[in-house]
Amino acid sequence: TAAAVWVPKLNAHRVTLLPRALLAARATLVLAAGADKAQPLRDVYEGAYDPQRLPIQIIHRHARAVDWYVDTAAAGSLKRRA
């Protein structure tokens, strides 16, 4: 299932897949690029579970297989893991 969502920052609609469609997928790829994604990415990985604010948390925690592709700028605020 998909939906048209209004994005004020872009002053335009965008088409987005809803969680039900992504949870049904055998594999999901997520791309996070740019410094403007650093805080949201940290919130997804290290913040409180709040899927109303960050719907990607549903996919991150409940999808079958999620591969994240993250550039250095987006990953900049994540805590380092050994």
N, C-alpha and C. Protein backbone atom coordinates (compact mmCIF):
# COMPACT_ATOMS: atom_id res chain seq x y z
N THR A 1 0.84 -1.17 0.00
CA THR A 1 0.00 0.00 0.00
C THR A 1 0.89 1.24 0.00
N ALA A 2 0.45 2.25 -0.69
CA ALA A 2 1.19 3.51 -0.79
C ALA A 2 0.25 4.67 -0.51
N ALA A 3 0.83 5.82 -0.22
CA ALA A 3 0.03 7.02 0.03
C ALA A 3 0.77 8.24 -0.48
N ALA A 4 -0.01 9.24 -0.88
CA ALA A 4 0.57 10.53 -1.22
C ALA A 4 0.63 11.35 0.06
N VAL A 5 1.80 11.88 0.37
CA VAL A 5 2.01 12.63 1.61
C VAL A 5 2.52 14.02 1.24
N TRP A 6 1.93 15.04 1.86
CA TRP A 6 2.38 16.42 1.64
C TRP A 6 3.63 16.67 2.47
N VAL A 7 4.68 17.19 1.84
CA VAL A 7 5.94 17.49 2.53
C VAL A 7 6.15 19.01 2.47
N PRO A 8 5.83 19.72 3.57
CA PRO A 8 5.96 21.18 3.56
C PRO A 8 7.36 21.67 3.17
N LYS A 9 8.40 20.98 3.65
CA LYS A 9 9.77 21.38 3.36
C LYS A 9 10.04 21.40 1.85
N LEU A 10 9.41 20.49 1.12
CA LEU A 10 9.58 20.41 -0.33
C LEU A 10 8.49 21.15 -1.09
N ASN A 11 7.45 21.55 -0.33
CA ASN A 11 6.28 22.20 -0.93
C ASN A 11 5.70 21.33 -2.05
N ALA A 12 5.62 20.04 -1.77
CA ALA A 12 5.16 19.09 -2.78
C ALA A 12 4.67 17.81 -2.10
N HIS A 13 3.91 17.03 -2.87
CA HIS A 13 3.52 15.70 -2.42
C HIS A 13 4.63 14.72 -2.79
N ARG A 14 4.71 13.64 -2.04
CA ARG A 14 5.59 12.53 -2.41
C ARG A 14 4.81 11.25 -2.19
N VAL A 15 5.20 10.22 -2.88
CA VAL A 15 4.57 8.92 -2.71
C VAL A 15 5.44 8.11 -1.77
N THR A 16 4.82 7.51 -0.78
CA THR A 16 5.57 6.72 0.20
C THR A 16 4.90 5.38 0.41
N LEU A 17 5.69 4.36 0.64
CA LEU A 17 5.15 3.05 0.99
C LEU A 17 4.78 3.06 2.46
N LEU A 18 3.65 2.47 2.77
CA LEU A 18 3.20 2.40 4.15
C LEU A 18 3.83 1.18 4.84
N PRO A 19 3.89 1.19 6.17
CA PRO A 19 4.55 0.11 6.89
C PRO A 19 4.08 -1.29 6.51
N ARG A 20 2.80 -1.46 6.27
CA ARG A 20 2.28 -2.79 5.93
C ARG A 20 3.00 -3.37 4.70
N ALA A 21 3.20 -2.56 3.68
CA ALA A 21 3.88 -3.01 2.47
C ALA A 21 5.34 -3.34 2.75
N LEU A 22 6.00 -2.51 3.53
CA LEU A 22 7.41 -2.73 3.84
C LEU A 22 7.61 -3.95 4.75
N LEU A 23 6.69 -4.15 5.68
CA LEU A 23 6.80 -5.32 6.57
C LEU A 23 6.56 -6.62 5.82
N ALA A 24 5.82 -6.56 4.72
CA ALA A 24 5.55 -7.75 3.91
C ALA A 24 6.71 -8.09 2.98
N ALA A 25 7.63 -7.17 2.80
CA ALA A 25 8.75 -7.39 1.89
C ALA A 25 9.73 -8.42 2.44
N ARG A 26 10.36 -9.19 1.55
CA ARG A 26 11.38 -10.13 1.99
C ARG A 26 12.65 -9.40 2.41
N ALA A 27 12.90 -8.25 1.80
CA ALA A 27 14.08 -7.45 2.14
C ALA A 27 13.75 -5.98 1.90
N THR A 28 14.33 -5.12 2.72
CA THR A 28 14.12 -3.68 2.61
C THR A 28 15.47 -3.00 2.64
N LEU A 29 15.67 -2.05 1.74
CA LEU A 29 16.88 -1.24 1.70
C LEU A 29 16.52 0.17 2.12
N VAL A 30 17.32 0.75 2.99
CA VAL A 30 17.09 2.12 3.46
C VAL A 30 18.34 2.93 3.16
N LEU A 31 18.17 4.07 2.53
CA LEU A 31 19.27 4.98 2.23
C LEU A 31 19.11 6.23 3.08
N ALA A 32 20.16 6.58 3.83
CA ALA A 32 20.18 7.80 4.61
C ALA A 32 21.47 8.54 4.26
N ALA A 33 21.33 9.68 3.60
CA ALA A 33 22.50 10.42 3.15
C ALA A 33 22.36 11.89 3.50
N GLY A 34 23.46 12.47 3.93
CA GLY A 34 23.50 13.90 4.22
C GLY A 34 23.43 14.20 5.70
N ALA A 35 23.99 15.34 6.06
CA ALA A 35 24.05 15.76 7.46
C ALA A 35 22.66 15.98 8.06
N ASP A 36 21.68 16.33 7.21
CA ASP A 36 20.33 16.55 7.73
C ASP A 36 19.66 15.25 8.19
N LYS A 37 20.25 14.10 7.88
CA LYS A 37 19.72 12.81 8.33
C LYS A 37 20.43 12.31 9.59
N ALA A 38 21.46 13.01 10.06
CA ALA A 38 22.24 12.55 11.21
C ALA A 38 21.38 12.41 12.47
N GLN A 39 20.65 13.43 12.84
CA GLN A 39 19.84 13.36 14.06
C GLN A 39 18.69 12.37 13.92
N PRO A 40 17.93 12.39 12.81
CA PRO A 40 16.88 11.37 12.69
C PRO A 40 17.43 9.95 12.74
N LEU A 41 18.58 9.70 12.13
CA LEU A 41 19.17 8.37 12.15
C LEU A 41 19.55 7.98 13.58
N ARG A 42 20.12 8.92 14.30
CA ARG A 42 20.46 8.64 15.71
C ARG A 42 19.19 8.36 16.52
N ASP A 43 18.14 9.12 16.25
CA ASP A 43 16.87 8.89 16.96
C ASP A 43 16.31 7.50 16.67
N VAL A 44 16.44 7.04 15.43
CA VAL A 44 15.97 5.71 15.06
C VAL A 44 16.74 4.64 15.82
N TYR A 45 18.05 4.75 15.84
CA TYR A 45 18.90 3.72 16.45
C TYR A 45 19.01 3.83 17.96
N GLU A 46 19.04 5.04 18.49
CA GLU A 46 19.37 5.22 19.90
C GLU A 46 18.27 5.90 20.71
N GLY A 47 17.25 6.40 20.06
CA GLY A 47 16.20 7.11 20.77
C GLY A 47 15.06 6.22 21.22
N ALA A 48 14.13 6.82 21.91
CA ALA A 48 12.95 6.10 22.37
C ALA A 48 12.10 5.69 21.16
N TYR A 49 11.40 4.57 21.31
CA TYR A 49 10.54 4.08 20.24
C TYR A 49 9.32 5.00 20.12
N ASP A 50 9.23 5.72 19.02
CA ASP A 50 8.15 6.67 18.78
C ASP A 50 7.78 6.63 17.29
N PRO A 51 7.08 5.57 16.85
CA PRO A 51 6.78 5.43 15.43
C PRO A 51 5.82 6.48 14.89
N GLN A 52 5.12 7.19 15.73
CA GLN A 52 4.29 8.31 15.25
C GLN A 52 5.17 9.41 14.69
N ARG A 53 6.30 9.65 15.34
CA ARG A 53 7.25 10.68 14.89
C ARG A 53 8.23 10.13 13.86
N LEU A 54 8.65 8.87 14.04
CA LEU A 54 9.64 8.24 13.16
C LEU A 54 9.09 6.89 12.68
N PRO A 55 8.26 6.88 11.66
CA PRO A 55 7.68 5.61 11.20
C PRO A 55 8.72 4.57 10.78
N ILE A 56 9.91 5.00 10.37
CA ILE A 56 10.95 4.05 9.99
C ILE A 56 11.33 3.13 11.14
N GLN A 57 11.05 3.54 12.38
CA GLN A 57 11.34 2.68 13.52
C GLN A 57 10.54 1.38 13.45
N ILE A 58 9.37 1.41 12.86
CA ILE A 58 8.57 0.19 12.69
C ILE A 58 9.35 -0.80 11.84
N ILE A 59 9.89 -0.31 10.73
CA ILE A 59 10.65 -1.16 9.83
C ILE A 59 11.95 -1.61 10.49
N HIS A 60 12.64 -0.68 11.12
CA HIS A 60 13.93 -0.99 11.78
C HIS A 60 13.77 -2.11 12.81
N ARG A 61 12.70 -2.09 13.55
CA ARG A 61 12.54 -3.07 14.63
C ARG A 61 11.76 -4.32 14.26
N HIS A 62 10.92 -4.25 13.22
CA HIS A 62 10.01 -5.37 12.97
C HIS A 62 10.11 -6.01 11.59
N ALA A 63 10.82 -5.44 10.67
CA ALA A 63 10.92 -6.01 9.32
C ALA A 63 11.80 -7.26 9.33
N ARG A 64 11.59 -8.11 8.34
CA ARG A 64 12.36 -9.37 8.23
C ARG A 64 13.85 -9.10 8.05
N ALA A 65 14.18 -8.28 7.06
CA ALA A 65 15.59 -8.00 6.75
C ALA A 65 15.70 -6.56 6.27
N VAL A 66 16.50 -5.78 6.95
CA VAL A 66 16.69 -4.38 6.58
C VAL A 66 18.19 -4.13 6.40
N ASP A 67 18.55 -3.64 5.24
CA ASP A 67 19.93 -3.23 4.98
C ASP A 67 19.97 -1.72 4.91
N TRP A 68 20.83 -1.12 5.73
CA TRP A 68 20.96 0.34 5.77
C TRP A 68 22.19 0.75 4.98
N TYR A 69 22.02 1.74 4.13
CA TYR A 69 23.13 2.35 3.39
C TYR A 69 23.20 3.80 3.86
N VAL A 70 24.28 4.10 4.59
CA VAL A 70 24.41 5.38 5.28
C VAL A 70 25.75 6.00 4.94
N ASP A 71 25.75 7.28 4.57
CA ASP A 71 27.02 7.94 4.30
C ASP A 71 27.62 8.49 5.60
N THR A 72 28.84 8.96 5.51
CA THR A 72 29.56 9.45 6.69
C THR A 72 28.84 10.61 7.36
N ALA A 73 28.28 11.51 6.57
CA ALA A 73 27.59 12.67 7.15
C ALA A 73 26.37 12.24 7.96
N ALA A 74 25.60 11.31 7.46
CA ALA A 74 24.40 10.84 8.17
C ALA A 74 24.77 10.04 9.41
N ALA A 75 25.86 9.29 9.35
CA ALA A 75 26.27 8.46 10.48
C ALA A 75 27.08 9.22 11.52
N GLY A 76 27.35 10.49 11.27
CA GLY A 76 28.24 11.26 12.12
C GLY A 76 27.86 11.35 13.58
N SER A 77 26.58 11.30 13.92
CA SER A 77 26.20 11.47 15.33
C SER A 77 25.90 10.14 16.04
N LEU A 78 26.08 9.01 15.33
CA LEU A 78 25.85 7.73 15.96
C LEU A 78 26.99 7.40 16.92
N LYS A 79 26.67 6.76 18.02
CA LYS A 79 27.70 6.29 18.94
C LYS A 79 28.47 5.18 18.25
N ARG A 80 29.74 5.17 18.44
CA ARG A 80 30.60 4.14 17.84
C ARG A 80 30.38 2.82 18.55
N ARG A 81 30.31 1.75 17.77
CA ARG A 81 30.16 0.42 18.34
C ARG A 81 31.39 -0.40 18.02
N ALA A 82 31.81 -1.20 18.97
CA ALA A 82 32.99 -2.06 18.76
C ALA A 82 32.63 -3.29 17.98
